[in-house]
Amino acid sequence: MSSLLDRANLARVISYQFEYSERLRCAFIGAGEHSYRNVYPAFQYAPVELLAVCDVRIERARQYARTFGAAAAYGDHHEMLARERPDAVFIVTSYTEDGQVQATQLAEECMRAGAHVWMEKPTATSLAQVDRLAEVSARTGRQLMTGLKKIFTPAIEKVKAIIETPEFGRASSISVRYPQAMPPPDERGDDWRMIGFLDHLFHPAAILGHLMGRVDRLSYEWEPRTGASVSSLRFESGAIGTLHLTAGSAATSPLERVEVVGEDANVVVDNGTRLTYYRAGATIPYGRTGSFVVDDAMAPLHWEPEFSLGQLSNKNLFLLGYVPEVLHFCESVLRDEPLTKGTLADVRRIVELYELYRKTPSGVVVDAP
C-alpha cells in the first residue's frame, strides 16, 4: 500500500475505504456528537473495517452501528473486546464526575486486551497517567496514538516542511494565538474546573511542540475578567515564543494564528487555512525603493483552499486534520511501524506544559523539571 502520508507529496492522492485491499479490524468506544461529525466519517477514506460500536447508551450505539456500517453494538466495552477481539479501538468519550479523562482507563484496558488504540485528546490529566500508559504500551506491544489533529492539518504540515529547509534558517521564534480562558488560581487544583483548559490547551500546545520542541521555561500574565493570558516561552533549542490565549475575543473572529520566524524569513498561518511564506533574499532599501513588488525568486508564496468545487481538499475532515491523523494510525498499525506523530512522547510535552500552568502563579518564571 503506497503511503498517503509522504511529506514530500503534500497534495496526496486519497483512496476511498472500499478501495483498500487490506483493512484494520476496528471497534469504536463512544457514540457522541463530536465523533459523529468528525471521526466516524473519516473512515470513508481509511483502511478501516468497523466491527462494532460501544456506548453506555446501547440504543445510541445501535444507531451509530447502523449509520456507519458496523455489524454489532454493545453497551459494555469488556464484552465487546472479548467477543470481537479487534486489531484496534478508537475511543472518543468524555470525563468522569471528578474531572478525569474517561478514555485514559479505557485505553489501558484495550491495550491489555491486545488492541492498538487511537484516542481523542486529552489523553490524561497528569504526567503520572501518561507514564502509566507508556508502560502498558511497552509491556503489551500495542501502540497508542492521541488525535492531535492540528499537527496533521495541511497548513501545519507545510509549515513544518518549510522551517526544516536550509533557506528558512534555524527557527528562532514562534507566536501562537488561540481562544481559551484559564481558570482563576484558586480553581486550578480542581480537575473538574480545569477540564476546559486541559481539553483546549492540547491544540496550541501540540503545534508548539511539533514545530519547536519542548518548552523548558515559562512565565505568563493572566487577565482575571476574561481569563485571557499571554505566555513567554523558551524552548530547549534556545528559540523563544509566545502563546496568546485570547479569551474574550468575538465568536465571529478567526480562532487562531501561527507565525514562525527563521533567519530573514517567516511563515504565517491564519485561521488554519491561509498560509503565507515570506522568503529570504529580498532587499528593500529604506527611502529608495519605489515598489513593494520584489523579484519572483524571493517573493512571498501564498496558499489557501478554494470552496467552489466538491473537493476533498476543502472538506473540514481534511482541512482540520481528521483524515490524515486516522490514516497515520491505521497505516502505522498495518505496517507494524512506530507512530511518528500523536505519540505519547508528544502528549508528554503537552501535559508537562499543562502541569506548569496549574502550579505556576502569574508573573513567575519557572523552568520545566
Protein backbone atom coordinates (compact mmCIF):
# COMPACT_ATOMS: atom_id res chain seq x y z
CA MET A 1 0.00 0.00 0.00
CA SER A 2 1.52 3.29 -1.07
CA SER A 3 1.95 5.85 1.67
CA LEU A 4 -0.67 8.55 1.84
CA LEU A 5 1.38 10.42 4.36
CA ASP A 6 4.59 11.03 2.41
CA ARG A 7 5.53 14.57 3.42
CA ALA A 8 7.16 15.10 0.04
CA ASN A 9 3.71 14.72 -1.51
CA LEU A 10 1.54 17.10 0.47
CA ALA A 11 -1.08 17.17 -2.30
CA ARG A 12 -1.60 13.44 -1.74
CA VAL A 13 -3.95 11.16 -3.62
CA ILE A 14 -6.62 9.73 -1.33
CA SER A 15 -8.10 6.25 -1.56
CA TYR A 16 -11.68 5.54 -0.55
CA GLN A 17 -12.37 2.91 2.10
CA PHE A 18 -13.71 0.32 -0.36
CA GLU A 19 -10.54 0.57 -2.47
CA TYR A 20 -8.22 -0.84 0.22
CA SER A 21 -7.31 -4.49 -0.16
CA GLU A 22 -6.19 -4.69 3.47
CA ARG A 23 -8.15 -3.14 6.32
CA LEU A 24 -7.74 -2.83 10.06
CA ARG A 25 -10.40 -4.64 12.10
CA CYS A 26 -11.60 -1.84 14.40
CA ALA A 27 -14.07 -1.25 17.21
CA PHE A 28 -15.22 2.13 18.48
CA ILE A 29 -15.97 3.16 22.06
CA GLY A 30 -18.15 6.28 22.17
CA ALA A 31 -21.20 7.49 20.33
CA GLY A 32 -21.22 11.24 20.92
CA GLU A 33 -21.75 14.25 18.71
CA HIS A 34 -18.07 15.07 18.12
CA SER A 35 -17.27 11.57 16.89
CA TYR A 36 -20.40 11.58 14.71
CA ARG A 37 -19.29 14.77 12.95
CA ASN A 38 -15.56 14.23 12.69
CA VAL A 39 -14.18 10.76 13.44
CA TYR A 40 -16.58 8.12 12.14
CA PRO A 41 -16.88 9.99 8.77
CA ALA A 42 -13.07 9.94 8.42
CA PHE A 43 -13.29 6.15 8.00
CA GLN A 44 -14.63 6.76 4.47
CA TYR A 45 -11.02 7.43 3.46
CA ALA A 46 -9.14 4.95 5.66
CA PRO A 47 -8.39 1.21 5.67
CA VAL A 48 -10.94 0.50 8.41
CA GLU A 49 -13.36 -2.37 8.78
CA LEU A 50 -15.67 -1.21 11.57
CA LEU A 51 -16.73 -4.30 13.52
CA ALA A 52 -18.65 -2.82 16.44
CA VAL A 53 -19.70 0.32 18.29
CA CYS A 54 -19.90 0.52 22.07
CA ASP A 55 -21.62 3.12 24.24
CA VAL A 56 -23.24 3.01 27.67
CA ARG A 57 -26.38 4.16 25.83
CA ILE A 58 -26.98 0.94 23.91
CA GLU A 59 -29.66 2.43 21.65
CA ARG A 60 -27.24 5.17 20.59
CA ALA A 61 -24.60 2.50 19.89
CA ARG A 62 -27.09 0.64 17.70
CA GLN A 63 -27.93 3.81 15.80
CA TYR A 64 -24.27 4.56 15.14
CA ALA A 65 -23.61 0.95 14.12
CA ARG A 66 -26.39 1.16 11.54
CA THR A 67 -25.27 4.56 10.28
CA PHE A 68 -21.57 3.73 9.93
CA GLY A 69 -21.78 0.11 8.85
CA ALA A 70 -20.79 -1.84 11.95
CA ALA A 71 -22.27 -5.31 12.39
CA ALA A 72 -22.62 -5.17 16.18
CA ALA A 73 -23.41 -2.80 19.05
CA TYR A 74 -22.53 -3.16 22.71
CA GLY A 75 -23.30 -1.41 25.98
CA ASP A 76 -20.20 -2.82 27.71
CA HIS A 77 -16.71 -2.50 26.29
CA HIS A 78 -15.37 -5.55 28.14
CA GLU A 79 -17.90 -7.74 26.34
CA MET A 80 -17.07 -6.11 23.02
CA LEU A 81 -13.32 -6.62 23.42
CA ALA A 82 -13.79 -10.27 24.43
CA ARG A 83 -16.16 -11.14 21.58
CA GLU A 84 -14.77 -9.07 18.71
CA ARG A 85 -11.04 -9.14 19.54
CA PRO A 86 -10.36 -6.09 17.34
CA ASP A 87 -6.94 -5.17 15.98
CA ALA A 88 -7.53 -1.57 17.07
CA VAL A 89 -10.00 0.50 19.04
CA PHE A 90 -10.97 4.13 18.55
CA ILE A 91 -12.03 5.91 21.74
CA VAL A 92 -13.94 9.21 21.89
CA THR A 93 -15.52 9.67 25.30
CA SER A 94 -15.99 12.34 27.96
CA TYR A 95 -14.98 12.93 31.59
CA THR A 96 -15.77 11.30 34.91
CA GLU A 97 -17.64 13.17 37.64
CA ASP A 98 -14.36 14.05 39.34
CA GLY A 99 -12.85 15.52 36.18
CA GLN A 100 -10.75 12.57 34.99
CA VAL A 101 -10.47 11.60 31.32
CA GLN A 102 -12.62 8.51 30.78
CA ALA A 103 -10.50 7.38 27.84
CA THR A 104 -7.34 7.05 29.94
CA GLN A 105 -8.53 3.90 31.72
CA LEU A 106 -10.33 2.64 28.61
CA ALA A 107 -7.14 2.92 26.55
CA GLU A 108 -5.21 0.90 29.12
CA GLU A 109 -7.86 -1.82 29.15
CA CYS A 110 -7.93 -2.00 25.36
CA MET A 111 -4.15 -2.38 25.12
CA ARG A 112 -4.20 -5.11 27.76
CA ALA A 113 -6.87 -6.86 25.67
CA GLY A 114 -4.49 -6.85 22.70
CA ALA A 115 -5.74 -3.86 20.70
CA HIS A 116 -3.87 -0.85 19.42
CA VAL A 117 -5.57 2.41 20.45
CA TRP A 118 -6.43 5.71 18.81
CA MET A 119 -7.94 8.09 21.35
CA GLU A 120 -9.22 11.62 21.11
CA LYS A 121 -7.42 14.23 23.16
CA PRO A 122 -6.90 14.87 26.01
CA THR A 123 -5.01 11.69 26.80
CA ALA A 124 -4.82 12.15 30.56
CA THR A 125 -4.85 14.74 33.33
CA SER A 126 -1.34 14.12 34.69
CA LEU A 127 2.17 13.06 33.75
CA ALA A 128 1.83 10.04 36.04
CA GLN A 129 -1.11 8.80 33.97
CA VAL A 130 0.76 9.41 30.70
CA ASP A 131 3.74 7.45 32.01
CA ARG A 132 1.48 4.59 33.09
CA LEU A 133 0.01 4.39 29.58
CA ALA A 134 3.54 4.34 28.16
CA GLU A 135 4.42 1.43 30.46
CA VAL A 136 1.34 -0.53 29.38
CA SER A 137 2.06 0.21 25.71
CA ALA A 138 5.63 -1.04 26.08
CA ARG A 139 4.59 -4.13 28.05
CA THR A 140 1.80 -5.17 25.66
CA GLY A 141 3.48 -4.11 22.41
CA ARG A 142 0.35 -2.17 21.47
CA GLN A 143 0.63 1.36 20.09
CA LEU A 144 -1.37 4.28 21.44
CA MET A 145 -2.00 7.43 19.43
CA THR A 146 -3.75 10.63 20.52
CA GLY A 147 -5.71 12.67 18.00
CA LEU A 148 -3.53 15.77 17.82
CA LYS A 149 -5.34 16.98 14.72
CA LYS A 150 -3.61 20.37 14.49
CA ILE A 151 -0.25 18.83 13.57
CA PHE A 152 -1.91 16.87 10.76
CA THR A 153 -3.51 19.86 9.03
CA PRO A 154 -2.18 20.64 5.54
CA ALA A 155 -1.13 24.13 6.69
CA ILE A 156 0.92 22.99 9.71
CA GLU A 157 2.40 20.09 7.75
CA LYS A 158 3.63 22.63 5.19
CA VAL A 159 4.96 24.94 7.91
CA LYS A 160 6.95 22.02 9.34
CA ALA A 161 8.40 21.27 5.91
CA ILE A 162 9.29 24.94 5.31
CA ILE A 163 11.04 25.57 8.62
CA GLU A 164 13.21 22.49 8.13
CA THR A 165 14.68 23.82 4.86
CA PRO A 166 18.13 25.46 4.78
CA GLU A 167 16.59 28.51 3.08
CA PHE A 168 14.39 29.25 6.10
CA GLY A 169 17.28 29.05 8.54
CA ARG A 170 17.04 27.96 12.13
CA ALA A 171 13.63 28.68 13.68
CA SER A 172 14.24 31.47 16.19
CA SER A 173 10.78 32.35 17.47
CA ILE A 174 7.13 31.39 17.28
CA SER A 175 3.83 33.07 18.11
CA VAL A 176 0.60 31.09 18.57
CA ARG A 177 -2.83 32.62 19.15
CA TYR A 178 -5.78 30.53 20.37
CA PRO A 179 -9.06 31.48 22.15
CA GLN A 180 -9.09 29.85 25.59
CA ALA A 181 -9.65 31.03 29.14
CA MET A 182 -7.52 29.98 32.11
CA PRO A 183 -9.45 29.46 35.37
CA PRO A 184 -8.63 31.56 38.44
CA PRO A 185 -5.66 30.42 40.55
CA ASP A 186 -7.82 29.01 43.35
CA GLU A 187 -9.60 26.68 40.88
CA ARG A 188 -6.53 25.21 39.16
CA GLY A 189 -6.18 22.36 41.62
CA ASP A 190 -9.69 21.15 40.77
CA ASP A 191 -9.64 18.67 37.87
CA TRP A 192 -13.29 19.34 37.05
CA ARG A 193 -12.86 23.11 36.78
CA MET A 194 -9.74 22.59 34.63
CA ILE A 195 -11.48 20.40 32.04
CA GLY A 196 -11.99 23.19 29.51
CA PHE A 197 -8.41 24.41 29.79
CA LEU A 198 -6.94 20.90 29.52
CA ASP A 199 -9.20 19.98 26.62
CA HIS A 200 -8.27 23.01 24.52
CA LEU A 201 -4.64 23.52 25.55
CA PHE A 202 -3.86 20.34 23.61
CA HIS A 203 -4.37 22.19 20.30
CA PRO A 204 -1.91 25.11 20.55
CA ALA A 205 0.49 23.09 22.70
CA ALA A 206 0.62 20.35 20.06
CA ILE A 207 1.61 22.95 17.46
CA LEU A 208 4.28 24.43 19.73
CA GLY A 209 5.80 21.03 20.45
CA HIS A 210 5.62 19.79 16.88
CA LEU A 211 7.25 22.86 15.36
CA MET A 212 9.64 23.96 18.12
CA GLY A 213 10.21 21.07 20.53
CA ARG A 214 9.95 21.00 24.31
CA VAL A 215 9.34 24.12 26.41
CA ASP A 216 11.93 24.45 29.18
CA ARG A 217 10.99 27.84 30.62
CA LEU A 218 7.62 29.54 31.09
CA SER A 219 6.11 32.69 32.51
CA TYR A 220 2.73 34.27 31.84
CA GLU A 221 0.43 37.14 32.70
CA TRP A 222 -3.24 36.44 33.40
CA GLU A 223 -6.24 38.76 32.99
CA PRO A 224 -8.95 37.95 35.57
CA ARG A 225 -12.09 39.31 33.87
CA THR A 226 -11.95 37.04 30.80
CA GLY A 227 -9.28 34.54 31.83
CA ALA A 228 -7.07 35.53 28.90
CA SER A 229 -3.32 35.07 29.20
CA VAL A 230 -0.08 35.78 27.38
CA SER A 231 2.83 33.38 27.96
CA SER A 232 6.51 33.86 27.31
CA LEU A 233 8.21 30.60 26.36
CA ARG A 234 11.74 29.36 25.88
CA PHE A 235 12.40 26.07 24.13
CA GLU A 236 15.21 23.59 24.68
CA SER A 237 16.57 24.58 21.26
CA GLY A 238 17.13 28.12 22.54
CA ALA A 239 14.26 29.51 20.45
CA ILE A 240 11.64 31.68 22.12
CA GLY A 241 7.91 32.12 21.70
CA THR A 242 4.58 33.44 22.88
CA LEU A 243 1.25 31.72 23.48
CA HIS A 244 -1.63 34.20 23.46
CA LEU A 245 -4.81 32.60 24.81
CA THR A 246 -7.38 35.13 23.61
CA ALA A 247 -10.36 34.56 25.89
CA GLY A 248 -12.80 37.41 25.29
CA SER A 249 -12.40 37.54 21.52
CA ALA A 250 -15.54 37.61 19.37
CA ALA A 251 -17.21 34.36 18.31
CA THR A 252 -17.08 35.63 14.73
CA SER A 253 -13.31 36.15 14.85
CA PRO A 254 -10.89 33.69 13.22
CA LEU A 255 -9.80 31.42 16.03
CA GLU A 256 -6.09 31.03 15.59
CA ARG A 257 -2.84 32.30 14.15
CA VAL A 258 0.62 30.76 13.97
CA GLU A 259 3.83 32.50 12.94
CA VAL A 260 7.33 31.04 12.91
CA VAL A 261 10.37 33.26 12.30
CA GLY A 262 13.64 31.91 10.97
CA GLU A 263 16.60 33.86 9.58
CA ASP A 264 15.41 36.64 7.27
CA ALA A 265 12.28 34.57 6.64
CA ASN A 266 8.95 33.84 8.31
CA VAL A 267 5.83 31.78 7.69
CA VAL A 268 2.30 32.61 8.85
CA VAL A 269 -0.91 30.56 9.09
CA ASP A 270 -4.15 32.47 9.61
CA ASN A 271 -7.38 30.72 10.58
CA GLY A 272 -5.80 27.34 9.91
CA THR A 273 -6.26 27.67 6.16
CA ARG A 274 -4.32 30.69 4.83
CA LEU A 275 -0.61 30.05 4.61
CA THR A 276 1.98 32.66 3.59
CA TYR A 277 5.70 32.06 3.36
CA TYR A 278 7.78 35.25 3.35
CA ARG A 279 11.00 34.02 1.79
CA ALA A 280 14.52 35.26 2.47
CA GLY A 281 16.58 37.19 -0.03
CA ALA A 282 14.64 40.35 -0.80
CA THR A 283 16.30 43.73 -0.18
CA ILE A 284 14.17 46.84 0.09
CA PRO A 285 16.44 49.83 0.76
CA TYR A 286 14.70 52.33 3.04
CA GLY A 287 13.76 55.57 1.33
CA ARG A 288 14.96 54.44 -2.11
CA THR A 289 12.52 51.71 -3.15
CA GLY A 290 9.63 52.76 -5.38
CA SER A 291 7.74 49.43 -5.49
CA PHE A 292 6.70 46.80 -2.99
CA VAL A 293 6.94 44.14 -5.72
CA VAL A 294 10.12 42.09 -5.42
CA ASP A 295 11.71 39.59 -7.76
CA ASP A 296 9.71 36.38 -8.26
CA ALA A 297 12.58 34.26 -6.92
CA MET A 298 12.17 35.77 -3.46
CA ALA A 299 8.54 36.90 -3.49
CA PRO A 300 6.17 35.61 -0.78
CA LEU A 301 4.33 32.37 -1.51
CA HIS A 302 0.67 32.05 -0.55
CA TRP A 303 -1.70 29.08 -0.33
CA GLU A 304 -5.37 28.84 0.58
CA PRO A 305 -8.16 26.40 -0.35
CA GLU A 306 -10.91 27.05 -2.84
CA PHE A 307 -14.52 26.44 -1.81
CA SER A 308 -16.28 26.20 -5.16
CA LEU A 309 -15.63 22.58 -6.15
CA GLY A 310 -16.63 19.44 -4.27
CA GLN A 311 -13.03 18.59 -3.48
CA LEU A 312 -11.69 16.51 -0.63
CA SER A 313 -9.11 19.24 -0.02
CA ASN A 314 -11.77 21.75 1.06
CA LYS A 315 -13.64 19.39 3.41
CA ASN A 316 -13.21 20.04 7.11
CA LEU A 317 -12.25 16.38 7.58
CA PHE A 318 -9.05 17.17 5.67
CA LEU A 319 -8.54 20.86 6.49
CA LEU A 320 -8.78 20.13 10.23
CA GLY A 321 -6.54 17.06 10.11
CA TYR A 322 -9.03 14.30 10.98
CA VAL A 323 -8.49 12.08 7.95
CA PRO A 324 -4.67 12.47 7.95
CA GLU A 325 -4.41 11.50 11.63
CA VAL A 326 -6.65 8.46 11.19
CA LEU A 327 -4.61 7.40 8.15
CA HIS A 328 -1.35 7.75 10.06
CA PHE A 329 -2.65 5.49 12.82
CA CYS A 330 -4.10 2.85 10.51
CA GLU A 331 -1.10 2.67 8.21
CA SER A 332 1.36 2.51 11.10
CA VAL A 333 -0.50 -0.41 12.68
CA LEU A 334 -0.98 -2.28 9.39
CA ARG A 335 2.72 -1.97 8.57
CA ASP A 336 3.83 -2.68 12.13
CA GLU A 337 5.74 0.60 12.10
CA PRO A 338 6.08 3.06 15.01
CA LEU A 339 3.90 6.14 15.12
CA THR A 340 5.73 9.39 14.39
CA LYS A 341 3.02 11.91 15.37
CA GLY A 342 0.40 11.91 18.10
CA THR A 343 2.72 9.75 20.20
CA LEU A 344 2.86 9.50 23.97
CA ALA A 345 6.12 11.48 23.79
CA ASP A 346 4.20 14.29 22.04
CA VAL A 347 1.49 14.08 24.68
CA ARG A 348 4.03 14.17 27.49
CA ARG A 349 5.31 17.56 26.31
CA ILE A 350 1.75 18.90 26.32
CA VAL A 351 0.90 17.59 29.79
CA GLU A 352 4.20 18.97 31.13
CA LEU A 353 3.04 22.40 29.97
CA TYR A 354 -0.41 21.85 31.48
CA GLU A 355 1.08 20.97 34.87
CA LEU A 356 3.30 24.05 34.77
CA TYR A 357 0.24 26.25 34.25
CA ARG A 358 -1.58 24.53 37.12
CA LYS A 359 1.27 25.12 39.58
CA THR A 360 2.78 28.43 38.46
CA PRO A 361 1.39 31.80 39.62
CA SER A 362 1.03 34.65 37.13
CA GLY A 363 4.21 36.66 36.69
CA VAL A 364 6.57 33.95 37.95
CA VAL A 365 9.30 32.50 35.73
CA VAL A 366 9.60 28.73 36.09
CA ASP A 367 11.89 26.13 34.49
CA ALA A 368 10.38 22.84 33.37
CA PRO A 369 11.54 19.96 35.62
